[in-house]
Amino acid sequence: MQNDKSRLLRILRDKSLSYGHFILSSGKESHYYVDSKLTTFDSEGVSLVGKLIFQIIQDKGVQVSAVGGLTMGADPIAVSTIIAALKRNCHLKGFSVRKEAKSHGKRRLIEGNLDVTDNVVILDDVITTGASTIKAIEAVREFGANIVMVVALVDRLEGGTEEIRKFGYDVDAIFTINDLLEPSRLKEANSRDESPEANSVGKQGVLRTESF
């Protein structure tokens, strides 16, 4: 399992981690950005994510019957986790929480397989402020299912985990941002930001506004 975690870390660093000058949806500035979907929509990357998250759930020893979170960050993670569980002869259901309920049909806010009797793990890709995770928590609680824990791919360590824990749930992450960051590259990004070419940073050489 440690080999799987080391391999996933390499994939995240290679595909998802950018250094530069980024403005997050919260308005905060950051010298790094984690575009997790470049990993969770990679065949090897998402396979490892599901395998490691299912292992976290098993290690906790909690009874779980369904996993899911806010679309779209949690969607590939949920699918991969239920596939990983099936390979271990464990049947989990998966679901997705919409950002807004459908305006037609059954007008669902939650899609997929979820019952009020389920014990649920809320999933997320990156926890920053915790807002997307909390939105999923609120939707599942209103639905009536029982949430037992929260698991994320990456915790940026910016207070989101603490906000989620206020709801009374344990929060685990495969990695924290400290696992991903390479000090030498972060120092270089900081120095660029102080130079006259401060905006010429990031993977594409531009100042980017990203949402998290």
N, C-alpha and C. Protein backbone atom coordinates (compact mmCIF):
# COMPACT_ATOMS: atom_id res chain seq x y z
N MET A 1 0.83 -1.22 0.00
CA MET A 1 0.00 0.00 0.00
C MET A 1 0.86 1.26 0.00
N GLN A 2 2.02 1.20 0.66
CA GLN A 2 2.92 2.35 0.68
C GLN A 2 3.44 2.65 -0.71
N ASN A 3 3.68 1.60 -1.51
CA ASN A 3 4.11 1.80 -2.89
C ASN A 3 3.04 2.50 -3.70
N ASP A 4 1.77 2.14 -3.46
CA ASP A 4 0.66 2.81 -4.15
C ASP A 4 0.61 4.29 -3.79
N LYS A 5 0.82 4.59 -2.52
CA LYS A 5 0.78 5.98 -2.07
C LYS A 5 1.94 6.77 -2.66
N SER A 6 3.11 6.18 -2.72
CA SER A 6 4.27 6.86 -3.31
C SER A 6 4.06 7.12 -4.79
N ARG A 7 3.47 6.15 -5.48
CA ARG A 7 3.21 6.32 -6.91
C ARG A 7 2.17 7.42 -7.14
N LEU A 8 1.11 7.43 -6.32
CA LEU A 8 0.09 8.47 -6.46
C LEU A 8 0.68 9.85 -6.18
N LEU A 9 1.57 9.95 -5.23
CA LEU A 9 2.21 11.22 -4.94
C LEU A 9 3.00 11.72 -6.15
N ARG A 10 3.69 10.82 -6.82
CA ARG A 10 4.44 11.22 -8.01
C ARG A 10 3.52 11.71 -9.11
N ILE A 11 2.37 11.03 -9.27
CA ILE A 11 1.41 11.43 -10.30
C ILE A 11 0.84 12.81 -9.98
N LEU A 12 0.48 13.03 -8.72
CA LEU A 12 -0.05 14.34 -8.32
C LEU A 12 0.96 15.45 -8.58
N ARG A 13 2.20 15.22 -8.20
CA ARG A 13 3.23 16.24 -8.41
C ARG A 13 3.45 16.52 -9.89
N ASP A 14 3.40 15.47 -10.69
CA ASP A 14 3.67 15.62 -12.12
C ASP A 14 2.50 16.24 -12.87
N LYS A 15 1.28 15.81 -12.55
CA LYS A 15 0.12 16.23 -13.32
C LYS A 15 -0.65 17.40 -12.71
N SER A 16 -0.76 17.42 -11.38
CA SER A 16 -1.74 18.31 -10.75
C SER A 16 -1.18 19.52 -10.03
N LEU A 17 0.10 19.52 -9.72
CA LEU A 17 0.66 20.59 -8.91
C LEU A 17 1.37 21.63 -9.77
N SER A 18 0.93 22.88 -9.65
CA SER A 18 1.55 24.00 -10.35
C SER A 18 2.09 24.99 -9.33
N TYR A 19 3.21 25.61 -9.68
CA TYR A 19 3.79 26.67 -8.85
C TYR A 19 3.67 27.99 -9.61
N GLY A 20 3.37 29.04 -8.88
CA GLY A 20 3.24 30.35 -9.52
C GLY A 20 2.46 31.29 -8.65
N HIS A 21 1.63 32.10 -9.28
CA HIS A 21 0.81 33.08 -8.57
C HIS A 21 -0.63 32.83 -8.96
N PHE A 22 -1.42 32.33 -8.01
CA PHE A 22 -2.80 31.97 -8.29
C PHE A 22 -3.75 32.67 -7.32
N ILE A 23 -4.92 33.03 -7.83
CA ILE A 23 -5.96 33.62 -7.00
C ILE A 23 -7.08 32.60 -6.89
N LEU A 24 -7.38 32.18 -5.68
CA LEU A 24 -8.42 31.19 -5.45
C LEU A 24 -9.79 31.85 -5.36
N SER A 25 -10.84 31.06 -5.40
CA SER A 25 -12.19 31.61 -5.37
C SER A 25 -12.47 32.36 -4.07
N SER A 26 -11.73 32.01 -3.02
CA SER A 26 -11.89 32.69 -1.74
C SER A 26 -11.29 34.09 -1.77
N GLY A 27 -10.54 34.39 -2.84
CA GLY A 27 -9.86 35.67 -2.93
C GLY A 27 -8.42 35.62 -2.44
N LYS A 28 -8.06 34.52 -1.80
CA LYS A 28 -6.69 34.36 -1.30
C LYS A 28 -5.73 34.15 -2.46
N GLU A 29 -4.52 34.61 -2.26
CA GLU A 29 -3.46 34.35 -3.24
C GLU A 29 -2.64 33.15 -2.78
N SER A 30 -2.15 32.40 -3.74
CA SER A 30 -1.37 31.21 -3.42
C SER A 30 -0.23 31.07 -4.42
N HIS A 31 0.89 30.52 -3.95
CA HIS A 31 2.02 30.26 -4.83
C HIS A 31 2.02 28.84 -5.37
N TYR A 32 0.93 28.14 -5.15
CA TYR A 32 0.79 26.81 -5.72
C TYR A 32 -0.69 26.52 -5.94
N TYR A 33 -0.96 25.60 -6.83
CA TYR A 33 -2.33 25.23 -7.15
C TYR A 33 -2.39 23.74 -7.44
N VAL A 34 -3.39 23.09 -6.87
CA VAL A 34 -3.58 21.66 -7.09
C VAL A 34 -4.79 21.45 -7.99
N ASP A 35 -4.54 21.12 -9.24
CA ASP A 35 -5.62 20.80 -10.17
C ASP A 35 -5.82 19.29 -10.12
N SER A 36 -6.52 18.84 -9.10
CA SER A 36 -6.63 17.41 -8.80
C SER A 36 -7.27 16.60 -9.91
N LYS A 37 -8.11 17.23 -10.72
CA LYS A 37 -8.82 16.49 -11.76
C LYS A 37 -7.89 15.95 -12.83
N LEU A 38 -6.70 16.54 -12.96
CA LEU A 38 -5.73 15.98 -13.89
C LEU A 38 -5.21 14.63 -13.40
N THR A 39 -5.37 14.37 -12.13
CA THR A 39 -5.03 13.06 -11.56
C THR A 39 -6.24 12.15 -11.47
N THR A 40 -7.39 12.69 -11.04
CA THR A 40 -8.57 11.84 -10.85
C THR A 40 -9.25 11.48 -12.17
N PHE A 41 -8.84 12.11 -13.27
CA PHE A 41 -9.30 11.70 -14.59
C PHE A 41 -8.19 11.04 -15.38
N ASP A 42 -7.16 10.60 -14.67
CA ASP A 42 -6.10 9.79 -15.22
C ASP A 42 -6.34 8.34 -14.79
N SER A 43 -6.20 7.39 -15.69
CA SER A 43 -6.59 6.01 -15.38
C SER A 43 -5.82 5.44 -14.19
N GLU A 44 -4.50 5.60 -14.19
CA GLU A 44 -3.73 5.08 -13.07
C GLU A 44 -3.97 5.91 -11.81
N GLY A 45 -4.03 7.22 -11.97
CA GLY A 45 -4.21 8.09 -10.82
C GLY A 45 -5.50 7.81 -10.09
N VAL A 46 -6.61 7.74 -10.80
CA VAL A 46 -7.90 7.55 -10.14
C VAL A 46 -8.02 6.15 -9.55
N SER A 47 -7.39 5.18 -10.21
CA SER A 47 -7.40 3.82 -9.67
C SER A 47 -6.70 3.77 -8.31
N LEU A 48 -5.57 4.46 -8.19
CA LEU A 48 -4.85 4.49 -6.93
C LEU A 48 -5.62 5.26 -5.86
N VAL A 49 -6.28 6.35 -6.26
CA VAL A 49 -7.07 7.13 -5.31
C VAL A 49 -8.17 6.26 -4.69
N GLY A 50 -8.91 5.55 -5.52
CA GLY A 50 -9.98 4.69 -5.01
C GLY A 50 -9.47 3.61 -4.09
N LYS A 51 -8.35 3.00 -4.48
CA LYS A 51 -7.76 1.93 -3.68
C LYS A 51 -7.33 2.43 -2.31
N LEU A 52 -6.69 3.60 -2.28
CA LEU A 52 -6.19 4.15 -1.02
C LEU A 52 -7.32 4.66 -0.13
N ILE A 53 -8.35 5.24 -0.73
CA ILE A 53 -9.48 5.71 0.07
C ILE A 53 -10.24 4.53 0.68
N PHE A 54 -10.42 3.48 -0.10
CA PHE A 54 -11.09 2.30 0.46
C PHE A 54 -10.27 1.71 1.61
N GLN A 55 -8.95 1.76 1.50
CA GLN A 55 -8.11 1.26 2.58
C GLN A 55 -8.26 2.11 3.85
N ILE A 56 -8.36 3.44 3.67
CA ILE A 56 -8.59 4.32 4.82
C ILE A 56 -9.89 3.95 5.52
N ILE A 57 -10.93 3.72 4.73
CA ILE A 57 -12.23 3.36 5.29
C ILE A 57 -12.12 2.04 6.06
N GLN A 58 -11.44 1.07 5.46
CA GLN A 58 -11.29 -0.22 6.14
C GLN A 58 -10.49 -0.09 7.43
N ASP A 59 -9.43 0.71 7.37
CA ASP A 59 -8.58 0.88 8.55
C ASP A 59 -9.33 1.52 9.71
N LYS A 60 -10.32 2.35 9.39
CA LYS A 60 -11.12 2.99 10.44
C LYS A 60 -12.06 1.99 11.12
N GLY A 61 -12.36 0.92 10.42
CA GLY A 61 -13.22 -0.10 11.01
C GLY A 61 -14.67 0.32 11.14
N VAL A 62 -15.10 1.29 10.32
CA VAL A 62 -16.49 1.76 10.39
C VAL A 62 -17.34 1.00 9.38
N GLN A 63 -18.62 0.88 9.68
CA GLN A 63 -19.57 0.25 8.77
C GLN A 63 -20.05 1.28 7.76
N VAL A 64 -19.74 1.06 6.50
CA VAL A 64 -20.07 2.01 5.43
C VAL A 64 -20.81 1.28 4.32
N SER A 65 -21.81 1.95 3.77
CA SER A 65 -22.56 1.35 2.66
C SER A 65 -22.61 2.24 1.42
N ALA A 66 -22.23 3.52 1.54
CA ALA A 66 -22.27 4.41 0.38
C ALA A 66 -21.21 5.50 0.49
N VAL A 67 -20.70 5.92 -0.67
CA VAL A 67 -19.69 6.98 -0.72
C VAL A 67 -20.05 7.97 -1.82
N GLY A 68 -19.73 9.23 -1.59
CA GLY A 68 -20.00 10.25 -2.61
C GLY A 68 -19.75 11.63 -2.05
N GLY A 69 -19.91 12.63 -2.92
CA GLY A 69 -19.70 14.01 -2.50
C GLY A 69 -20.19 14.95 -3.57
N LEU A 70 -19.76 16.19 -3.46
CA LEU A 70 -20.23 17.23 -4.37
C LEU A 70 -19.63 17.05 -5.75
N THR A 71 -20.49 17.13 -6.77
CA THR A 71 -20.00 17.08 -8.14
C THR A 71 -19.18 18.34 -8.44
N MET A 72 -18.10 18.32 -9.24
CA MET A 72 -17.65 17.13 -9.91
C MET A 72 -16.37 16.56 -9.31
N GLY A 73 -15.86 17.27 -8.32
CA GLY A 73 -14.60 16.84 -7.73
C GLY A 73 -14.65 15.46 -7.12
N ALA A 74 -15.79 15.11 -6.50
CA ALA A 74 -15.89 13.82 -5.82
C ALA A 74 -16.31 12.69 -6.75
N ASP A 75 -16.84 13.02 -7.92
CA ASP A 75 -17.46 11.99 -8.78
C ASP A 75 -16.51 10.86 -9.19
N PRO A 76 -15.36 11.17 -9.82
CA PRO A 76 -14.48 10.07 -10.21
C PRO A 76 -13.91 9.31 -9.01
N ILE A 77 -13.75 10.01 -7.89
CA ILE A 77 -13.23 9.37 -6.68
C ILE A 77 -14.24 8.36 -6.14
N ALA A 78 -15.52 8.72 -6.15
CA ALA A 78 -16.56 7.82 -5.67
C ALA A 78 -16.63 6.57 -6.54
N VAL A 79 -16.60 6.75 -7.84
CA VAL A 79 -16.67 5.60 -8.75
C VAL A 79 -15.47 4.68 -8.54
N SER A 80 -14.29 5.26 -8.44
CA SER A 80 -13.09 4.46 -8.24
C SER A 80 -13.12 3.73 -6.90
N THR A 81 -13.66 4.37 -5.88
CA THR A 81 -13.72 3.74 -4.55
C THR A 81 -14.65 2.54 -4.52
N ILE A 82 -15.81 2.65 -5.19
CA ILE A 82 -16.72 1.50 -5.17
C ILE A 82 -16.17 0.36 -6.02
N ILE A 83 -15.40 0.67 -7.05
CA ILE A 83 -14.76 -0.38 -7.84
C ILE A 83 -13.67 -1.07 -7.01
N ALA A 84 -12.87 -0.26 -6.29
CA ALA A 84 -11.83 -0.83 -5.43
C ALA A 84 -12.45 -1.72 -4.36
N ALA A 85 -13.60 -1.29 -3.82
CA ALA A 85 -14.28 -2.08 -2.80
C ALA A 85 -14.76 -3.42 -3.37
N LEU A 86 -15.30 -3.39 -4.58
CA LEU A 86 -15.80 -4.61 -5.20
C LEU A 86 -14.68 -5.63 -5.39
N LYS A 87 -13.50 -5.14 -5.72
CA LYS A 87 -12.35 -6.04 -5.89
C LYS A 87 -11.97 -6.72 -4.58
N ARG A 88 -12.41 -6.13 -3.47
CA ARG A 88 -12.15 -6.72 -2.14
C ARG A 88 -13.42 -7.38 -1.59
N ASN A 89 -14.34 -7.69 -2.50
CA ASN A 89 -15.61 -8.36 -2.14
C ASN A 89 -16.46 -7.55 -1.17
N CYS A 90 -16.40 -6.24 -1.31
CA CYS A 90 -17.23 -5.34 -0.51
C CYS A 90 -18.09 -4.51 -1.46
N HIS A 91 -19.38 -4.53 -1.24
CA HIS A 91 -20.30 -3.82 -2.13
C HIS A 91 -20.69 -2.46 -1.53
N LEU A 92 -20.20 -1.40 -2.14
CA LEU A 92 -20.56 -0.04 -1.75
C LEU A 92 -21.39 0.61 -2.84
N LYS A 93 -22.25 1.51 -2.43
CA LYS A 93 -23.01 2.31 -3.39
C LYS A 93 -22.33 3.66 -3.58
N GLY A 94 -22.56 4.26 -4.73
CA GLY A 94 -21.99 5.57 -5.00
C GLY A 94 -23.08 6.58 -5.34
N PHE A 95 -22.81 7.84 -5.00
CA PHE A 95 -23.78 8.89 -5.30
C PHE A 95 -23.04 10.20 -5.58
N SER A 96 -23.77 11.14 -6.13
CA SER A 96 -23.21 12.46 -6.44
C SER A 96 -24.19 13.53 -6.00
N VAL A 97 -23.67 14.55 -5.31
CA VAL A 97 -24.50 15.66 -4.87
C VAL A 97 -24.40 16.79 -5.89
N ARG A 98 -25.53 17.17 -6.45
CA ARG A 98 -25.56 18.29 -7.39
C ARG A 98 -25.33 19.62 -6.65
N LYS A 99 -24.83 20.61 -7.38
CA LYS A 99 -24.70 21.94 -6.78
C LYS A 99 -26.07 22.59 -6.61
N GLU A 100 -26.99 22.22 -7.49
CA GLU A 100 -28.38 22.67 -7.37
C GLU A 100 -29.27 21.52 -7.79
N ALA A 101 -30.45 21.45 -7.19
CA ALA A 101 -31.38 20.39 -7.56
C ALA A 101 -31.84 20.54 -9.01
N LYS A 102 -32.15 19.43 -9.64
CA LYS A 102 -32.69 19.47 -11.00
C LYS A 102 -33.96 20.33 -11.04
N SER A 103 -34.14 21.00 -12.14
CA SER A 103 -35.35 21.82 -12.30
C SER A 103 -36.45 21.05 -13.01
N HIS A 104 -36.20 19.77 -13.31
CA HIS A 104 -37.19 18.96 -14.02
C HIS A 104 -37.12 17.52 -13.50
N GLY A 105 -38.01 16.68 -14.02
CA GLY A 105 -38.00 15.28 -13.61
C GLY A 105 -38.30 15.13 -12.12
N LYS A 106 -37.47 14.36 -11.43
CA LYS A 106 -37.67 14.13 -10.00
C LYS A 106 -37.07 15.24 -9.14
N ARG A 107 -36.46 16.21 -9.78
CA ARG A 107 -35.89 17.39 -9.09
C ARG A 107 -34.93 16.98 -7.98
N ARG A 108 -34.08 16.03 -8.30
CA ARG A 108 -33.16 15.51 -7.29
C ARG A 108 -31.96 16.41 -7.07
N LEU A 109 -31.54 16.47 -5.83
CA LEU A 109 -30.28 17.11 -5.49
C LEU A 109 -29.17 16.06 -5.43
N ILE A 110 -29.54 14.83 -5.08
CA ILE A 110 -28.58 13.74 -4.99
C ILE A 110 -28.89 12.71 -6.07
N GLU A 111 -27.89 12.39 -6.90
CA GLU A 111 -28.03 11.40 -7.96
C GLU A 111 -27.28 10.13 -7.59
N GLY A 112 -27.73 9.02 -8.16
CA GLY A 112 -27.05 7.76 -7.90
C GLY A 112 -27.78 6.95 -6.86
N ASN A 113 -27.01 6.19 -6.09
CA ASN A 113 -27.59 5.22 -5.16
C ASN A 113 -27.38 5.64 -3.72
N LEU A 114 -28.43 6.10 -3.08
CA LEU A 114 -28.37 6.50 -1.68
C LEU A 114 -29.73 6.29 -1.04
N ASP A 115 -29.72 5.65 0.13
CA ASP A 115 -30.94 5.42 0.90
C ASP A 115 -30.79 6.04 2.28
N VAL A 116 -31.90 6.29 2.94
CA VAL A 116 -31.85 6.91 4.26
C VAL A 116 -31.21 5.99 5.29
N THR A 117 -31.15 4.69 4.98
CA THR A 117 -30.56 3.72 5.91
C THR A 117 -29.04 3.61 5.76
N ASP A 118 -28.46 4.32 4.79
CA ASP A 118 -27.04 4.16 4.50
C ASP A 118 -26.14 4.85 5.52
N ASN A 119 -24.99 4.23 5.76
CA ASN A 119 -23.87 4.86 6.47
C ASN A 119 -22.91 5.39 5.40
N VAL A 120 -22.65 6.67 5.44
CA VAL A 120 -22.02 7.36 4.32
C VAL A 120 -20.63 7.89 4.65
N VAL A 121 -19.73 7.78 3.67
CA VAL A 121 -18.46 8.51 3.69
C VAL A 121 -18.55 9.62 2.65
N ILE A 122 -18.39 10.86 3.09
CA ILE A 122 -18.35 12.00 2.18
C ILE A 122 -16.95 12.12 1.61
N LEU A 123 -16.85 12.24 0.29
CA LEU A 123 -15.57 12.33 -0.39
C LEU A 123 -15.37 13.72 -0.99
N ASP A 124 -14.12 14.12 -1.11
CA ASP A 124 -13.78 15.36 -1.82
C ASP A 124 -12.39 15.20 -2.41
N ASP A 125 -12.10 16.03 -3.41
CA ASP A 125 -10.76 15.94 -4.01
C ASP A 125 -9.78 16.79 -3.23
N VAL A 126 -10.06 18.09 -3.09
CA VAL A 126 -9.16 18.99 -2.36
C VAL A 126 -9.97 19.78 -1.33
N ILE A 127 -9.55 19.75 -0.10
CA ILE A 127 -10.18 20.55 0.95
C ILE A 127 -9.37 21.83 1.14
N THR A 128 -10.02 22.96 0.92
CA THR A 128 -9.38 24.26 1.17
C THR A 128 -10.16 24.95 2.29
N THR A 129 -11.26 25.59 1.94
CA THR A 129 -12.12 26.19 2.97
C THR A 129 -13.09 25.19 3.57
N GLY A 130 -13.27 24.07 2.87
CA GLY A 130 -14.23 23.06 3.31
C GLY A 130 -15.64 23.28 2.78
N ALA A 131 -15.85 24.33 1.99
CA ALA A 131 -17.19 24.70 1.56
C ALA A 131 -17.88 23.62 0.73
N SER A 132 -17.16 23.02 -0.22
CA SER A 132 -17.79 22.00 -1.07
C SER A 132 -18.12 20.75 -0.26
N THR A 133 -17.24 20.39 0.65
CA THR A 133 -17.49 19.22 1.50
C THR A 133 -18.70 19.47 2.40
N ILE A 134 -18.77 20.66 2.97
CA ILE A 134 -19.89 20.99 3.87
C ILE A 134 -21.21 21.02 3.11
N LYS A 135 -21.18 21.48 1.87
CA LYS A 135 -22.40 21.48 1.06
C LYS A 135 -22.90 20.05 0.86
N ALA A 136 -21.97 19.13 0.60
CA ALA A 136 -22.35 17.72 0.45
C ALA A 136 -22.87 17.15 1.76
N ILE A 137 -22.22 17.50 2.86
CA ILE A 137 -22.66 17.05 4.18
C ILE A 137 -24.10 17.50 4.44
N GLU A 138 -24.37 18.75 4.18
CA GLU A 138 -25.71 19.29 4.45
C GLU A 138 -26.77 18.60 3.61
N ALA A 139 -26.43 18.32 2.34
CA ALA A 139 -27.39 17.65 1.46
C ALA A 139 -27.69 16.24 1.93
N VAL A 140 -26.67 15.51 2.34
CA VAL A 140 -26.86 14.13 2.78
C VAL A 140 -27.61 14.09 4.12
N ARG A 141 -27.30 15.01 5.00
CA ARG A 141 -28.01 15.08 6.28
C ARG A 141 -29.49 15.40 6.06
N GLU A 142 -29.76 16.34 5.16
CA GLU A 142 -31.16 16.69 4.87
C GLU A 142 -31.89 15.50 4.25
N PHE A 143 -31.17 14.72 3.44
CA PHE A 143 -31.75 13.52 2.83
C PHE A 143 -32.13 12.49 3.89
N GLY A 144 -31.32 12.43 4.96
CA GLY A 144 -31.64 11.54 6.06
C GLY A 144 -30.67 10.41 6.30
N ALA A 145 -29.61 10.29 5.46
CA ALA A 145 -28.62 9.24 5.64
C ALA A 145 -27.65 9.62 6.75
N ASN A 146 -26.93 8.63 7.26
CA ASN A 146 -26.00 8.82 8.38
C ASN A 146 -24.57 8.95 7.88
N ILE A 147 -23.94 10.08 8.17
CA ILE A 147 -22.55 10.31 7.76
C ILE A 147 -21.63 9.82 8.86
N VAL A 148 -20.63 9.02 8.48
CA VAL A 148 -19.72 8.48 9.49
C VAL A 148 -18.32 9.10 9.43
N MET A 149 -17.93 9.60 8.27
CA MET A 149 -16.61 10.22 8.17
C MET A 149 -16.47 10.95 6.84
N VAL A 150 -15.39 11.71 6.73
CA VAL A 150 -15.05 12.45 5.51
C VAL A 150 -13.64 12.06 5.09
N VAL A 151 -13.45 11.80 3.79
CA VAL A 151 -12.13 11.46 3.27
C VAL A 151 -11.86 12.30 2.02
N ALA A 152 -10.66 12.87 1.94
CA ALA A 152 -10.28 13.68 0.78
C ALA A 152 -8.97 13.18 0.20
N LEU A 153 -8.73 13.59 -1.02
CA LEU A 153 -7.45 13.29 -1.66
C LEU A 153 -6.35 14.17 -1.09
N VAL A 154 -6.59 15.49 -1.04
CA VAL A 154 -5.59 16.44 -0.55
C VAL A 154 -6.22 17.44 0.40
N ASP A 155 -5.56 17.69 1.50
CA ASP A 155 -5.95 18.74 2.44
C ASP A 155 -4.93 19.87 2.31
N ARG A 156 -5.41 21.05 1.89
CA ARG A 156 -4.50 22.19 1.73
C ARG A 156 -4.10 22.84 3.05
N LEU A 157 -4.67 22.36 4.15
CA LEU A 157 -4.33 22.86 5.49
C LEU A 157 -4.60 24.36 5.63
N GLU A 158 -5.76 24.78 5.13
CA GLU A 158 -6.12 26.19 5.20
C GLU A 158 -7.39 26.41 6.02
N GLY A 159 -7.66 25.50 6.93
CA GLY A 159 -8.78 25.69 7.84
C GLY A 159 -10.03 24.92 7.49
N GLY A 160 -10.09 24.34 6.30
CA GLY A 160 -11.29 23.62 5.90
C GLY A 160 -11.59 22.41 6.74
N THR A 161 -10.55 21.67 7.07
CA THR A 161 -10.73 20.47 7.89
C THR A 161 -11.33 20.82 9.24
N GLU A 162 -10.85 21.90 9.83
CA GLU A 162 -11.38 22.33 11.13
C GLU A 162 -12.86 22.72 11.02
N GLU A 163 -13.24 23.37 9.92
CA GLU A 163 -14.64 23.74 9.72
C GLU A 163 -15.53 22.50 9.60
N ILE A 164 -15.03 21.49 8.88
CA ILE A 164 -15.80 20.25 8.71
C ILE A 164 -15.95 19.54 10.04
N ARG A 165 -14.89 19.53 10.83
CA ARG A 165 -14.93 18.82 12.11
C ARG A 165 -15.94 19.44 13.08
N LYS A 166 -16.29 20.70 12.85
CA LYS A 166 -17.31 21.34 13.68
C LYS A 166 -18.66 20.65 13.54
N PHE A 167 -18.83 19.92 12.44
CA PHE A 167 -20.07 19.17 12.23
C PHE A 167 -20.05 17.83 12.96
N GLY A 168 -18.90 17.52 13.56
CA GLY A 168 -18.80 16.31 14.36
C GLY A 168 -18.24 15.09 13.65
N TYR A 169 -17.56 15.30 12.51
CA TYR A 169 -17.07 14.17 11.74
C TYR A 169 -15.54 14.12 11.71
N ASP A 170 -15.02 12.90 11.71
CA ASP A 170 -13.59 12.71 11.48
C ASP A 170 -13.28 13.05 10.03
N VAL A 171 -12.11 13.64 9.81
CA VAL A 171 -11.67 13.97 8.46
C VAL A 171 -10.29 13.37 8.22
N ASP A 172 -10.18 12.59 7.15
CA ASP A 172 -8.90 12.01 6.77
C ASP A 172 -8.57 12.44 5.35
N ALA A 173 -7.30 12.56 5.05
CA ALA A 173 -6.85 12.86 3.70
C ALA A 173 -5.68 11.95 3.35
N ILE A 174 -5.62 11.54 2.09
CA ILE A 174 -4.49 10.72 1.66
C ILE A 174 -3.20 11.52 1.81
N PHE A 175 -3.26 12.81 1.40
CA PHE A 175 -2.09 13.68 1.49
C PHE A 175 -2.50 15.03 2.06
N THR A 176 -1.56 15.71 2.69
CA THR A 176 -1.69 17.13 2.96
C THR A 176 -0.84 17.87 1.93
N ILE A 177 -1.03 19.17 1.85
CA ILE A 177 -0.26 19.95 0.89
C ILE A 177 1.23 19.88 1.20
N ASN A 178 1.58 19.66 2.46
CA ASN A 178 2.99 19.55 2.82
C ASN A 178 3.65 18.33 2.21
N ASP A 179 2.85 17.28 1.95
CA ASP A 179 3.38 16.09 1.29
C ASP A 179 3.71 16.40 -0.17
N LEU A 180 2.90 17.26 -0.79
CA LEU A 180 3.05 17.52 -2.22
C LEU A 180 4.13 18.53 -2.54
N LEU A 181 4.23 19.58 -1.72
CA LEU A 181 5.09 20.70 -2.06
C LEU A 181 6.57 20.33 -2.04
N GLU A 182 7.29 20.84 -3.01
CA GLU A 182 8.73 20.69 -3.07
C GLU A 182 9.34 22.04 -2.73
N PRO A 183 10.02 22.16 -1.59
CA PRO A 183 10.49 23.45 -1.07
C PRO A 183 11.27 24.29 -2.09
N SER A 184 12.12 23.66 -2.88
CA SER A 184 12.94 24.43 -3.82
C SER A 184 12.08 25.09 -4.89
N ARG A 185 11.05 24.38 -5.35
CA ARG A 185 10.17 24.95 -6.38
C ARG A 185 9.26 26.03 -5.80
N LEU A 186 8.83 25.84 -4.56
CA LEU A 186 8.01 26.86 -3.91
C LEU A 186 8.82 28.13 -3.69
N LYS A 187 10.07 27.99 -3.31
CA LYS A 187 10.95 29.14 -3.11
C LYS A 187 11.15 29.89 -4.42
N GLU A 188 11.29 29.15 -5.51
CA GLU A 188 11.44 29.76 -6.83
C GLU A 188 10.19 30.55 -7.21
N ALA A 189 9.01 29.97 -6.92
CA ALA A 189 7.76 30.66 -7.23
C ALA A 189 7.63 31.94 -6.42
N ASN A 190 8.05 31.89 -5.16
CA ASN A 190 8.02 33.08 -4.31
C ASN A 190 8.91 34.18 -4.87
N SER A 191 10.10 33.80 -5.32
CA SER A 191 11.05 34.78 -5.83
C SER A 191 10.56 35.38 -7.14
N ARG A 192 9.90 34.60 -7.96
CA ARG A 192 9.35 35.12 -9.21
C ARG A 192 8.28 36.16 -8.93
N ASP A 193 7.48 35.90 -7.90
CA ASP A 193 6.39 36.80 -7.57
C ASP A 193 6.90 38.16 -7.12
N GLU A 194 8.11 38.18 -6.61
CA GLU A 194 8.70 39.43 -6.14
C GLU A 194 9.44 40.17 -7.26
N SER A 195 9.52 39.54 -8.41
CA SER A 195 10.25 40.14 -9.53
C SER A 195 9.30 40.93 -10.42
N PRO A 196 9.83 41.74 -11.38
CA PRO A 196 8.97 42.49 -12.30
C PRO A 196 8.14 41.58 -13.19
N GLU A 197 8.53 40.30 -13.31
CA GLU A 197 7.78 39.37 -14.14
C GLU A 197 6.90 38.48 -13.29
N ALA A 198 6.36 39.03 -12.25
CA ALA A 198 5.61 38.24 -11.27
C ALA A 198 4.41 37.52 -11.87
N ASN A 199 3.83 38.08 -12.95
CA ASN A 199 2.65 37.46 -13.52
C ASN A 199 2.98 36.33 -14.48
N SER A 200 4.23 36.19 -14.86
CA SER A 200 4.62 35.17 -15.81
C SER A 200 4.99 33.89 -15.09
N VAL A 201 3.98 33.26 -14.51
CA VAL A 201 4.21 32.07 -13.71
C VAL A 201 3.14 31.04 -13.99
N GLY A 202 3.28 29.86 -13.37
CA GLY A 202 2.32 28.79 -13.57
C GLY A 202 2.70 27.94 -14.75
N LYS A 203 1.98 26.86 -14.96
CA LYS A 203 2.32 25.92 -16.02
C LYS A 203 2.25 26.55 -17.40
N GLN A 204 1.31 27.47 -17.59
CA GLN A 204 1.15 28.07 -18.90
C GLN A 204 1.75 29.47 -18.99
N GLY A 205 2.45 29.88 -17.95
CA GLY A 205 3.11 31.18 -17.98
C GLY A 205 2.18 32.35 -17.85
N VAL A 206 1.06 32.17 -17.18
CA VAL A 206 0.12 33.27 -17.03
C VAL A 206 -0.42 33.27 -15.60
N LEU A 207 -0.95 34.41 -15.21
CA LEU A 207 -1.65 34.52 -13.93
C LEU A 207 -3.03 33.93 -14.13
N ARG A 208 -3.39 32.95 -13.31
CA ARG A 208 -4.66 32.27 -13.48
C ARG A 208 -5.55 32.44 -12.27
N THR A 209 -6.83 32.58 -12.50
CA THR A 209 -7.81 32.59 -11.43
C THR A 209 -8.50 31.25 -11.38
N GLU A 210 -8.40 30.58 -10.26
CA GLU A 210 -8.96 29.22 -10.14
C GLU A 210 -9.98 29.17 -9.02
N SER A 211 -10.88 28.25 -9.09
CA SER A 211 -11.91 28.09 -8.06
C SER A 211 -11.65 26.87 -7.22
N PHE A 212 -11.75 27.08 -5.88
CA PHE A 212 -11.67 25.98 -4.93
C PHE A 212 -12.46 26.37 -3.70
